């Protein structure tokens, strides 16, 4: 699908110079002399390189068509995560480096969205919030106010997060999967 350079947004996937690029930053510039342009910083999905490119507003860019399909998480091994399509029961395997740090938040039967480009999995989007159990956390200091500071806690899955002082070991909390921050106690 062709789009104008002015319509490029952060997070968008575009096809450029026979490669697939994810837009990291975009800035629309209208100089005093000459035509307007979009300054775009992109990262290659395949080569993991960055590119700064300038597109005139009149130029058209090919936006990549990405399919988003819901899958349920099944299990993991040392290299991959395994997911199942709940409609067709078809299983797929995705390498751990594609999922990244958020893979530790995957729990059995968790519904995720997997983005495909030409039937190749690009990314895994978790729900915005997941419930996690706290493994260990430090005791709150007496006289510390609730608004003052958060304390470190380690979750059962090994991730470290900052939690309010009233949270104790063994309690369940809700985490924001995009920023890996505490939201509330369950």
N, C-alpha and C. Protein backbone atom coordinates (compact mmCIF):
# COMPACT_ATOMS: atom_id res chain seq x y z
N UNK A 1 0.84 -1.17 0.00
CA UNK A 1 0.00 0.00 0.00
C UNK A 1 0.89 1.24 0.00
N UNK A 2 0.68 2.13 -0.95
CA UNK A 2 1.48 3.35 -1.06
C UNK A 2 0.91 4.43 -0.13
N UNK A 3 1.82 5.13 0.57
CA UNK A 3 1.42 6.25 1.41
C UNK A 3 2.35 7.43 1.11
N UNK A 4 1.87 8.65 1.39
CA UNK A 4 2.72 9.83 1.23
C UNK A 4 3.73 9.89 2.35
N UNK A 5 4.87 10.55 2.11
CA UNK A 5 5.92 10.65 3.12
C UNK A 5 5.43 11.35 4.38
N UNK A 6 4.48 12.25 4.25
CA UNK A 6 3.92 12.96 5.41
C UNK A 6 3.10 12.07 6.33
N UNK A 7 2.71 10.89 5.84
CA UNK A 7 1.87 9.97 6.64
C UNK A 7 2.69 8.93 7.41
N UNK A 8 4.01 9.00 7.32
CA UNK A 8 4.87 8.04 8.02
C UNK A 8 4.80 8.31 9.52
N UNK A 9 4.57 7.26 10.31
CA UNK A 9 4.44 7.37 11.76
C UNK A 9 5.41 6.41 12.45
N UNK A 10 5.74 6.71 13.70
CA UNK A 10 6.63 5.87 14.50
C UNK A 10 5.98 4.49 14.70
N UNK A 11 6.78 3.43 14.55
CA UNK A 11 6.29 2.06 14.72
C UNK A 11 5.83 1.42 13.43
N UNK A 12 5.63 2.21 12.39
CA UNK A 12 5.16 1.72 11.11
C UNK A 12 6.25 0.88 10.44
N UNK A 13 5.85 -0.11 9.65
CA UNK A 13 6.79 -0.92 8.87
C UNK A 13 6.69 -0.49 7.41
N UNK A 14 7.83 -0.17 6.81
CA UNK A 14 7.83 0.24 5.41
C UNK A 14 8.84 -0.58 4.63
N UNK A 15 8.56 -0.73 3.32
CA UNK A 15 9.47 -1.41 2.41
C UNK A 15 10.26 -0.33 1.70
N UNK A 16 11.60 -0.40 1.80
CA UNK A 16 12.45 0.62 1.20
C UNK A 16 13.79 -0.01 0.85
N UNK A 17 14.30 0.26 -0.35
CA UNK A 17 15.57 -0.30 -0.82
C UNK A 17 15.61 -1.82 -0.64
N UNK A 18 14.56 -2.48 -1.08
CA UNK A 18 14.39 -3.94 -1.03
C UNK A 18 14.68 -4.54 0.34
N UNK A 19 14.23 -3.83 1.40
CA UNK A 19 14.36 -4.34 2.77
C UNK A 19 13.13 -3.88 3.55
N UNK A 20 12.94 -4.46 4.73
CA UNK A 20 11.83 -4.10 5.59
C UNK A 20 12.37 -3.26 6.75
N UNK A 21 11.77 -2.07 6.96
CA UNK A 21 12.26 -1.12 7.95
C UNK A 21 11.17 -0.76 8.94
N UNK A 22 11.53 -0.64 10.21
CA UNK A 22 10.62 -0.15 11.24
C UNK A 22 11.00 1.29 11.54
N UNK A 23 9.99 2.18 11.54
CA UNK A 23 10.24 3.61 11.77
C UNK A 23 10.44 3.84 13.27
N UNK A 24 11.60 4.43 13.63
CA UNK A 24 11.91 4.73 15.02
C UNK A 24 11.56 6.17 15.38
N UNK A 25 11.91 7.11 14.49
CA UNK A 25 11.63 8.53 14.71
C UNK A 25 11.22 9.15 13.39
N UNK A 26 10.37 10.16 13.47
CA UNK A 26 10.00 10.90 12.27
C UNK A 26 9.80 12.36 12.63
N UNK A 27 10.24 13.23 11.73
CA UNK A 27 10.10 14.66 11.97
C UNK A 27 9.74 15.32 10.64
N UNK A 28 8.65 16.08 10.65
CA UNK A 28 8.22 16.80 9.45
C UNK A 28 8.86 18.18 9.47
N UNK A 29 9.60 18.52 8.42
CA UNK A 29 10.34 19.79 8.37
C UNK A 29 9.85 20.62 7.19
N UNK A 30 9.56 21.89 7.45
CA UNK A 30 9.15 22.82 6.40
C UNK A 30 10.12 24.00 6.41
N UNK A 31 11.20 23.88 5.63
CA UNK A 31 12.19 24.96 5.65
C UNK A 31 11.64 26.23 4.99
N UNK A 32 12.29 27.36 5.27
CA UNK A 32 11.85 28.63 4.69
C UNK A 32 12.00 28.65 3.19
N UNK A 33 13.00 27.95 2.69
CA UNK A 33 13.26 27.92 1.25
C UNK A 33 13.22 26.46 0.80
N UNK A 34 12.49 26.17 -0.23
CA UNK A 34 12.41 24.80 -0.73
C UNK A 34 11.15 24.10 -0.22
N UNK A 35 10.99 22.84 -0.62
CA UNK A 35 9.79 22.08 -0.26
C UNK A 35 9.90 21.39 1.08
N UNK A 36 8.75 21.03 1.64
CA UNK A 36 8.71 20.33 2.92
C UNK A 36 9.20 18.89 2.74
N UNK A 37 9.72 18.31 3.83
CA UNK A 37 10.18 16.93 3.78
C UNK A 37 10.00 16.27 5.14
N UNK A 38 10.10 14.96 5.13
CA UNK A 38 10.03 14.17 6.37
C UNK A 38 11.40 13.55 6.61
N UNK A 39 11.97 13.81 7.78
CA UNK A 39 13.25 13.21 8.19
C UNK A 39 12.89 11.96 9.00
N UNK A 40 13.30 10.79 8.54
CA UNK A 40 12.87 9.53 9.14
C UNK A 40 14.08 8.69 9.56
N UNK A 41 14.05 8.22 10.82
CA UNK A 41 15.07 7.28 11.29
C UNK A 41 14.44 5.90 11.32
N UNK A 42 15.09 4.93 10.65
CA UNK A 42 14.52 3.59 10.51
C UNK A 42 15.53 2.54 10.94
N UNK A 43 15.01 1.37 11.34
CA UNK A 43 15.85 0.24 11.71
C UNK A 43 15.45 -0.94 10.83
N UNK A 44 16.44 -1.59 10.24
CA UNK A 44 16.17 -2.74 9.39
C UNK A 44 15.77 -3.94 10.25
N UNK A 45 14.69 -4.58 9.86
CA UNK A 45 14.20 -5.76 10.60
C UNK A 45 15.16 -6.94 10.39
N UNK A 46 15.67 -7.10 9.18
CA UNK A 46 16.49 -8.27 8.84
C UNK A 46 17.97 -8.09 9.20
N UNK A 47 18.54 -6.91 8.91
CA UNK A 47 19.98 -6.71 9.10
C UNK A 47 20.33 -6.04 10.41
N UNK A 48 19.34 -5.51 11.13
CA UNK A 48 19.54 -4.84 12.42
C UNK A 48 20.45 -3.61 12.29
N UNK A 49 20.32 -2.89 11.15
CA UNK A 49 21.08 -1.66 10.94
C UNK A 49 20.12 -0.48 10.97
N UNK A 50 20.66 0.72 11.19
CA UNK A 50 19.82 1.92 11.21
C UNK A 50 20.11 2.76 9.97
N UNK A 51 19.11 3.57 9.60
CA UNK A 51 19.23 4.43 8.43
C UNK A 51 18.44 5.70 8.68
N UNK A 52 19.07 6.85 8.40
CA UNK A 52 18.37 8.13 8.42
C UNK A 52 18.11 8.52 6.98
N UNK A 53 16.86 8.79 6.66
CA UNK A 53 16.50 9.10 5.28
C UNK A 53 15.59 10.32 5.25
N UNK A 54 15.70 11.08 4.17
CA UNK A 54 14.88 12.28 3.98
C UNK A 54 13.96 12.04 2.79
N UNK A 55 12.65 12.15 3.01
CA UNK A 55 11.67 11.95 1.94
C UNK A 55 10.94 13.27 1.69
N UNK A 56 10.86 13.68 0.41
CA UNK A 56 10.07 14.87 0.07
C UNK A 56 8.60 14.55 0.31
N UNK A 57 7.82 15.56 0.65
CA UNK A 57 6.40 15.35 0.96
C UNK A 57 5.63 14.76 -0.22
N UNK A 58 6.09 15.03 -1.44
CA UNK A 58 5.39 14.53 -2.62
C UNK A 58 5.72 13.06 -2.92
N UNK A 59 6.76 12.52 -2.30
CA UNK A 59 7.15 11.13 -2.54
C UNK A 59 6.14 10.16 -1.94
N UNK A 60 6.03 8.98 -2.55
CA UNK A 60 5.21 7.92 -1.96
C UNK A 60 6.12 6.78 -1.52
N UNK A 61 5.76 6.18 -0.40
CA UNK A 61 6.54 5.09 0.20
C UNK A 61 5.63 3.87 0.29
N UNK A 62 6.23 2.69 0.14
CA UNK A 62 5.46 1.45 0.23
C UNK A 62 5.35 1.02 1.68
N UNK A 63 4.12 1.02 2.22
CA UNK A 63 3.89 0.56 3.59
C UNK A 63 3.74 -0.96 3.54
N UNK A 64 4.45 -1.64 4.43
CA UNK A 64 4.42 -3.11 4.45
C UNK A 64 3.07 -3.58 4.99
N UNK A 65 2.51 -4.59 4.35
CA UNK A 65 1.26 -5.15 4.84
C UNK A 65 1.58 -6.26 5.83
N UNK A 66 1.19 -6.04 7.07
CA UNK A 66 1.50 -6.97 8.15
C UNK A 66 0.21 -7.63 8.61
N UNK A 67 0.23 -8.94 8.74
CA UNK A 67 -0.93 -9.68 9.24
C UNK A 67 -0.76 -9.91 10.73
N UNK A 68 -1.82 -9.62 11.50
CA UNK A 68 -1.78 -9.83 12.94
C UNK A 68 -2.73 -10.97 13.27
N UNK A 69 -2.19 -12.05 13.87
CA UNK A 69 -2.99 -13.24 14.17
C UNK A 69 -2.85 -13.56 15.65
N UNK A 70 -3.97 -13.94 16.28
CA UNK A 70 -3.98 -14.30 17.70
C UNK A 70 -3.50 -15.74 17.87
N UNK A 71 -2.62 -15.93 18.85
CA UNK A 71 -2.10 -17.25 19.18
C UNK A 71 -2.11 -17.42 20.70
N UNK A 72 -2.09 -18.67 21.17
CA UNK A 72 -1.96 -18.96 22.60
C UNK A 72 -0.56 -19.53 22.84
N UNK A 73 0.07 -19.06 23.92
CA UNK A 73 1.40 -19.55 24.27
C UNK A 73 1.29 -20.96 24.83
N UNK A 74 2.16 -21.86 24.36
CA UNK A 74 2.14 -23.25 24.84
C UNK A 74 3.29 -23.51 25.81
N UNK A 75 4.53 -23.46 25.31
CA UNK A 75 5.70 -23.78 26.14
C UNK A 75 6.94 -23.21 25.49
N UNK A 76 8.08 -23.35 26.19
CA UNK A 76 9.36 -22.89 25.65
C UNK A 76 10.41 -23.96 25.83
N UNK A 77 11.45 -23.90 24.97
CA UNK A 77 12.64 -24.71 25.20
C UNK A 77 13.82 -23.74 25.28
N UNK A 78 15.05 -24.23 25.18
CA UNK A 78 16.19 -23.32 25.39
C UNK A 78 16.35 -22.26 24.30
N UNK A 79 15.83 -22.49 23.09
CA UNK A 79 16.02 -21.55 21.98
C UNK A 79 14.75 -20.86 21.51
N UNK A 80 13.58 -21.46 21.76
CA UNK A 80 12.35 -20.97 21.12
C UNK A 80 11.15 -20.97 22.06
N UNK A 81 10.14 -20.20 21.64
CA UNK A 81 8.81 -20.24 22.26
C UNK A 81 7.87 -20.89 21.26
N UNK A 82 6.88 -21.62 21.77
CA UNK A 82 5.93 -22.32 20.91
C UNK A 82 4.52 -21.79 21.16
N UNK A 83 3.82 -21.50 20.07
CA UNK A 83 2.47 -20.94 20.13
C UNK A 83 1.53 -21.78 19.30
N UNK A 84 0.22 -21.71 19.63
CA UNK A 84 -0.79 -22.47 18.89
C UNK A 84 -1.93 -21.55 18.47
N UNK A 85 -2.36 -21.69 17.23
CA UNK A 85 -3.52 -20.97 16.72
C UNK A 85 -4.76 -21.64 17.32
N UNK A 86 -5.58 -20.91 18.11
CA UNK A 86 -6.74 -21.55 18.75
C UNK A 86 -7.82 -22.01 17.78
N UNK A 87 -7.81 -21.50 16.54
CA UNK A 87 -8.83 -21.90 15.56
C UNK A 87 -8.42 -23.16 14.80
N UNK A 88 -7.18 -23.18 14.30
CA UNK A 88 -6.74 -24.31 13.47
C UNK A 88 -5.89 -25.32 14.24
N UNK A 89 -5.51 -24.99 15.48
CA UNK A 89 -4.62 -25.81 16.31
C UNK A 89 -3.24 -26.01 15.69
N UNK A 90 -2.89 -25.15 14.72
CA UNK A 90 -1.57 -25.18 14.11
C UNK A 90 -0.57 -24.57 15.08
N UNK A 91 0.60 -25.22 15.21
CA UNK A 91 1.63 -24.72 16.13
C UNK A 91 2.74 -24.04 15.35
N UNK A 92 3.28 -22.95 15.94
CA UNK A 92 4.43 -22.29 15.33
C UNK A 92 5.52 -22.11 16.38
N UNK A 93 6.74 -21.99 15.89
CA UNK A 93 7.91 -21.83 16.76
C UNK A 93 8.53 -20.48 16.45
N UNK A 94 8.82 -19.68 17.48
CA UNK A 94 9.44 -18.37 17.30
C UNK A 94 10.69 -18.32 18.17
N UNK A 95 11.80 -17.89 17.57
CA UNK A 95 13.08 -17.80 18.29
C UNK A 95 12.98 -16.80 19.44
N UNK A 96 13.70 -17.07 20.52
CA UNK A 96 13.66 -16.22 21.71
C UNK A 96 14.15 -14.80 21.44
N UNK A 97 15.11 -14.62 20.50
CA UNK A 97 15.62 -13.28 20.24
C UNK A 97 14.56 -12.37 19.59
N UNK A 98 13.56 -12.93 18.91
CA UNK A 98 12.48 -12.13 18.32
C UNK A 98 11.56 -11.61 19.43
N UNK A 99 11.26 -12.45 20.41
CA UNK A 99 10.35 -12.07 21.51
C UNK A 99 11.06 -11.13 22.48
N UNK A 100 12.31 -11.42 22.80
CA UNK A 100 13.09 -10.56 23.69
C UNK A 100 12.77 -10.77 25.16
N UNK A 101 13.04 -9.74 25.97
CA UNK A 101 12.89 -9.78 27.43
C UNK A 101 11.45 -10.06 27.86
N UNK A 102 10.48 -9.66 27.04
CA UNK A 102 9.06 -9.85 27.40
C UNK A 102 8.65 -11.31 27.40
N UNK A 103 9.49 -12.18 26.86
CA UNK A 103 9.20 -13.61 26.85
C UNK A 103 9.07 -14.18 28.25
N UNK A 104 9.73 -13.54 29.23
CA UNK A 104 9.64 -14.01 30.61
C UNK A 104 8.23 -13.81 31.18
N UNK A 105 7.43 -12.93 30.57
CA UNK A 105 6.06 -12.69 31.04
C UNK A 105 5.05 -13.68 30.46
N UNK A 106 5.50 -14.52 29.53
CA UNK A 106 4.58 -15.50 28.92
C UNK A 106 4.20 -16.57 29.93
N UNK A 107 2.90 -16.83 30.02
CA UNK A 107 2.39 -17.92 30.86
C UNK A 107 1.54 -18.83 29.99
N UNK A 108 1.36 -20.06 30.43
CA UNK A 108 0.62 -21.04 29.64
C UNK A 108 -0.77 -20.53 29.29
N UNK A 109 -1.13 -20.69 28.00
CA UNK A 109 -2.43 -20.29 27.44
C UNK A 109 -2.63 -18.79 27.33
N UNK A 110 -1.61 -17.96 27.57
CA UNK A 110 -1.73 -16.51 27.42
C UNK A 110 -1.96 -16.19 25.95
N UNK A 111 -3.00 -15.38 25.66
CA UNK A 111 -3.28 -15.01 24.27
C UNK A 111 -2.42 -13.83 23.86
N UNK A 112 -1.68 -13.99 22.76
CA UNK A 112 -0.79 -12.95 22.24
C UNK A 112 -1.14 -12.69 20.77
N UNK A 113 -0.72 -11.53 20.26
CA UNK A 113 -0.86 -11.22 18.84
C UNK A 113 0.51 -11.33 18.20
N UNK A 114 0.59 -12.10 17.13
CA UNK A 114 1.86 -12.26 16.42
C UNK A 114 1.72 -11.58 15.06
N UNK A 115 2.66 -10.70 14.75
CA UNK A 115 2.65 -9.97 13.48
C UNK A 115 3.49 -10.73 12.46
N UNK A 116 2.89 -11.01 11.31
CA UNK A 116 3.55 -11.74 10.23
C UNK A 116 3.71 -10.85 9.02
N UNK A 117 4.87 -10.96 8.36
CA UNK A 117 5.11 -10.30 7.08
C UNK A 117 5.54 -11.40 6.11
N UNK A 118 4.75 -11.63 5.07
CA UNK A 118 4.99 -12.72 4.11
C UNK A 118 5.18 -14.06 4.84
N UNK A 119 4.33 -14.31 5.82
CA UNK A 119 4.30 -15.54 6.62
C UNK A 119 5.54 -15.74 7.49
N UNK A 120 6.32 -14.67 7.70
CA UNK A 120 7.48 -14.73 8.60
C UNK A 120 7.12 -13.94 9.86
N UNK A 121 7.22 -14.56 11.06
CA UNK A 121 6.87 -13.83 12.28
C UNK A 121 7.87 -12.71 12.57
N UNK A 122 7.35 -11.49 12.78
CA UNK A 122 8.21 -10.33 13.05
C UNK A 122 8.27 -10.00 14.53
N UNK A 123 7.10 -9.99 15.17
CA UNK A 123 7.07 -9.60 16.58
C UNK A 123 5.89 -10.25 17.29
N UNK A 124 6.00 -10.29 18.62
CA UNK A 124 4.94 -10.86 19.46
C UNK A 124 4.47 -9.75 20.39
N UNK A 125 3.18 -9.43 20.34
CA UNK A 125 2.60 -8.41 21.21
C UNK A 125 1.81 -9.08 22.32
N UNK A 126 2.23 -8.85 23.57
CA UNK A 126 1.53 -9.39 24.73
C UNK A 126 0.35 -8.50 25.07
N UNK A 127 -0.60 -9.00 25.89
CA UNK A 127 -1.65 -8.11 26.38
C UNK A 127 -0.99 -6.96 27.16
N UNK A 128 -1.67 -5.82 27.26
CA UNK A 128 -1.07 -4.66 27.94
C UNK A 128 -0.79 -4.93 29.41
N UNK A 129 -1.57 -5.82 30.04
CA UNK A 129 -1.37 -6.09 31.46
C UNK A 129 -1.38 -7.60 31.71
N UNK A 130 -0.43 -8.05 32.57
CA UNK A 130 -0.41 -9.45 32.98
C UNK A 130 -0.23 -9.52 34.50
N UNK A 131 -0.70 -10.61 35.09
CA UNK A 131 -0.57 -10.82 36.53
C UNK A 131 0.69 -11.63 36.81
N UNK A 132 1.49 -11.16 37.77
CA UNK A 132 2.72 -11.85 38.14
C UNK A 132 2.78 -12.00 39.65
N UNK A 133 3.50 -13.03 40.11
CA UNK A 133 3.67 -13.27 41.54
C UNK A 133 5.06 -12.82 41.97
N UNK A 134 5.13 -12.17 43.12
CA UNK A 134 6.41 -11.67 43.63
C UNK A 134 7.14 -12.80 44.35
N UNK A 135 8.40 -13.00 43.99
CA UNK A 135 9.23 -14.02 44.63
C UNK A 135 9.87 -13.44 45.89
N UNK A 136 10.62 -12.36 45.72
CA UNK A 136 11.26 -11.73 46.88
C UNK A 136 11.20 -10.21 46.76
N UNK A 137 11.11 -9.55 47.91
CA UNK A 137 11.19 -8.09 47.97
C UNK A 137 11.72 -7.70 49.34
N UNK A 138 12.33 -6.54 49.41
CA UNK A 138 12.86 -6.06 50.67
C UNK A 138 11.73 -5.59 51.58
N UNK A 139 11.98 -5.62 52.90
CA UNK A 139 11.00 -5.12 53.86
C UNK A 139 10.97 -3.60 53.78
N UNK A 140 9.77 -3.02 53.95
CA UNK A 140 9.63 -1.56 53.93
C UNK A 140 10.22 -0.99 55.22
N UNK A 141 10.86 0.15 55.12
CA UNK A 141 11.45 0.81 56.29
C UNK A 141 10.38 1.58 57.05
N UNK A 142 10.43 1.54 58.36
CA UNK A 142 9.46 2.28 59.20
C UNK A 142 9.60 3.78 58.94
N UNK A 143 8.48 4.45 58.94
CA UNK A 143 8.49 5.90 58.78
C UNK A 143 8.57 6.36 57.33
N UNK A 144 8.70 5.41 56.40
CA UNK A 144 8.76 5.77 54.99
C UNK A 144 7.34 6.03 54.50
N UNK A 145 7.10 7.14 53.84
CA UNK A 145 5.75 7.44 53.36
C UNK A 145 5.48 6.68 52.07
N UNK A 146 4.19 6.47 51.80
CA UNK A 146 3.80 5.70 50.62
C UNK A 146 4.24 6.41 49.35
N UNK A 147 4.19 7.74 49.35
CA UNK A 147 4.50 8.48 48.14
C UNK A 147 6.00 8.62 47.89
N UNK A 148 6.83 8.24 48.88
CA UNK A 148 8.26 8.53 48.75
C UNK A 148 8.92 7.73 47.63
N UNK A 149 9.16 6.45 47.84
CA UNK A 149 9.90 5.72 46.82
C UNK A 149 9.43 4.29 46.70
N UNK A 150 9.73 3.73 45.57
CA UNK A 150 9.42 2.32 45.33
C UNK A 150 10.62 1.49 45.77
N UNK A 151 10.38 0.20 45.99
CA UNK A 151 11.46 -0.70 46.38
C UNK A 151 11.59 -1.79 45.31
N UNK A 152 12.79 -2.39 45.18
CA UNK A 152 12.97 -3.43 44.17
C UNK A 152 12.31 -4.74 44.59
N UNK A 153 11.78 -5.45 43.59
CA UNK A 153 11.18 -6.77 43.82
C UNK A 153 11.56 -7.68 42.66
N UNK A 154 11.73 -8.97 42.96
CA UNK A 154 12.02 -9.96 41.92
C UNK A 154 10.79 -10.83 41.76
N UNK A 155 10.31 -10.97 40.51
CA UNK A 155 9.13 -11.79 40.24
C UNK A 155 9.52 -13.26 40.09
N UNK A 156 8.52 -14.15 40.14
CA UNK A 156 8.76 -15.60 39.99
C UNK A 156 9.44 -15.92 38.66
N UNK A 157 9.17 -15.09 37.63
CA UNK A 157 9.76 -15.34 36.31
C UNK A 157 11.17 -14.77 36.17
N UNK A 158 11.70 -14.12 37.23
CA UNK A 158 13.07 -13.62 37.21
C UNK A 158 13.22 -12.15 36.88
N UNK A 159 12.15 -11.50 36.45
CA UNK A 159 12.23 -10.07 36.13
C UNK A 159 12.28 -9.24 37.40
N UNK A 160 13.01 -8.12 37.35
CA UNK A 160 13.07 -7.18 38.47
C UNK A 160 12.20 -5.98 38.16
N UNK A 161 11.37 -5.58 39.11
CA UNK A 161 10.51 -4.40 38.96
C UNK A 161 10.54 -3.58 40.24
N UNK A 162 10.07 -2.36 40.15
CA UNK A 162 9.95 -1.49 41.31
C UNK A 162 8.50 -1.53 41.78
N UNK A 163 8.28 -1.75 43.09
CA UNK A 163 6.93 -1.84 43.65
C UNK A 163 6.81 -0.89 44.85
N UNK A 164 5.57 -0.50 45.22
CA UNK A 164 5.37 0.35 46.40
C UNK A 164 5.78 -0.40 47.67
N UNK A 165 6.05 0.34 48.76
CA UNK A 165 6.53 -0.28 49.99
C UNK A 165 5.57 -1.28 50.64
N UNK A 166 4.25 -1.16 50.39
CA UNK A 166 3.29 -2.05 51.05
C UNK A 166 3.18 -3.42 50.40
N UNK A 167 3.84 -3.67 49.27
CA UNK A 167 3.80 -4.96 48.59
C UNK A 167 4.78 -5.92 49.29
N UNK A 168 4.32 -7.14 49.57
CA UNK A 168 5.13 -8.15 50.27
C UNK A 168 5.44 -9.33 49.34
N UNK A 169 6.41 -10.15 49.73
CA UNK A 169 6.75 -11.36 48.98
C UNK A 169 5.54 -12.30 48.94
N UNK A 170 5.35 -12.97 47.80
CA UNK A 170 4.25 -13.93 47.66
C UNK A 170 2.97 -13.32 47.14
N UNK A 171 2.85 -12.00 47.10
CA UNK A 171 1.63 -11.35 46.61
C UNK A 171 1.63 -11.29 45.09
N UNK A 172 0.42 -11.17 44.52
CA UNK A 172 0.29 -11.04 43.08
C UNK A 172 0.05 -9.58 42.71
N UNK A 173 0.72 -9.15 41.64
CA UNK A 173 0.57 -7.78 41.15
C UNK A 173 0.31 -7.80 39.65
N UNK A 174 -0.18 -6.68 39.12
CA UNK A 174 -0.39 -6.55 37.69
C UNK A 174 0.72 -5.66 37.13
N UNK A 175 1.34 -6.13 36.04
CA UNK A 175 2.47 -5.44 35.40
C UNK A 175 2.05 -4.95 34.01
N UNK A 176 2.52 -3.76 33.63
CA UNK A 176 2.33 -3.24 32.27
C UNK A 176 3.41 -3.88 31.39
N UNK A 177 3.01 -4.63 30.36
CA UNK A 177 3.97 -5.37 29.54
C UNK A 177 4.78 -4.46 28.62
N UNK A 178 4.28 -3.26 28.33
CA UNK A 178 5.01 -2.35 27.43
C UNK A 178 6.19 -1.70 28.14
N UNK A 179 6.01 -1.33 29.42
CA UNK A 179 7.07 -0.61 30.13
C UNK A 179 7.67 -1.44 31.27
N UNK A 180 7.12 -2.63 31.54
CA UNK A 180 7.53 -3.51 32.63
C UNK A 180 7.48 -2.77 33.98
N UNK A 181 6.37 -2.03 34.20
CA UNK A 181 6.18 -1.29 35.45
C UNK A 181 4.98 -1.83 36.20
N UNK A 182 5.04 -1.65 37.53
CA UNK A 182 3.96 -2.02 38.43
C UNK A 182 2.73 -1.17 38.14
N UNK A 183 1.53 -1.79 38.13
CA UNK A 183 0.28 -1.03 37.97
C UNK A 183 -0.52 -1.07 39.27
N UNK A 184 -0.87 -2.32 39.72
CA UNK A 184 -1.65 -2.43 40.95
C UNK A 184 -1.52 -3.81 41.56
N UNK A 185 -1.97 -3.91 42.80
CA UNK A 185 -1.98 -5.18 43.53
C UNK A 185 -3.27 -5.91 43.18
N UNK A 186 -3.20 -7.23 43.08
CA UNK A 186 -4.39 -8.02 42.76
C UNK A 186 -5.21 -8.25 44.01
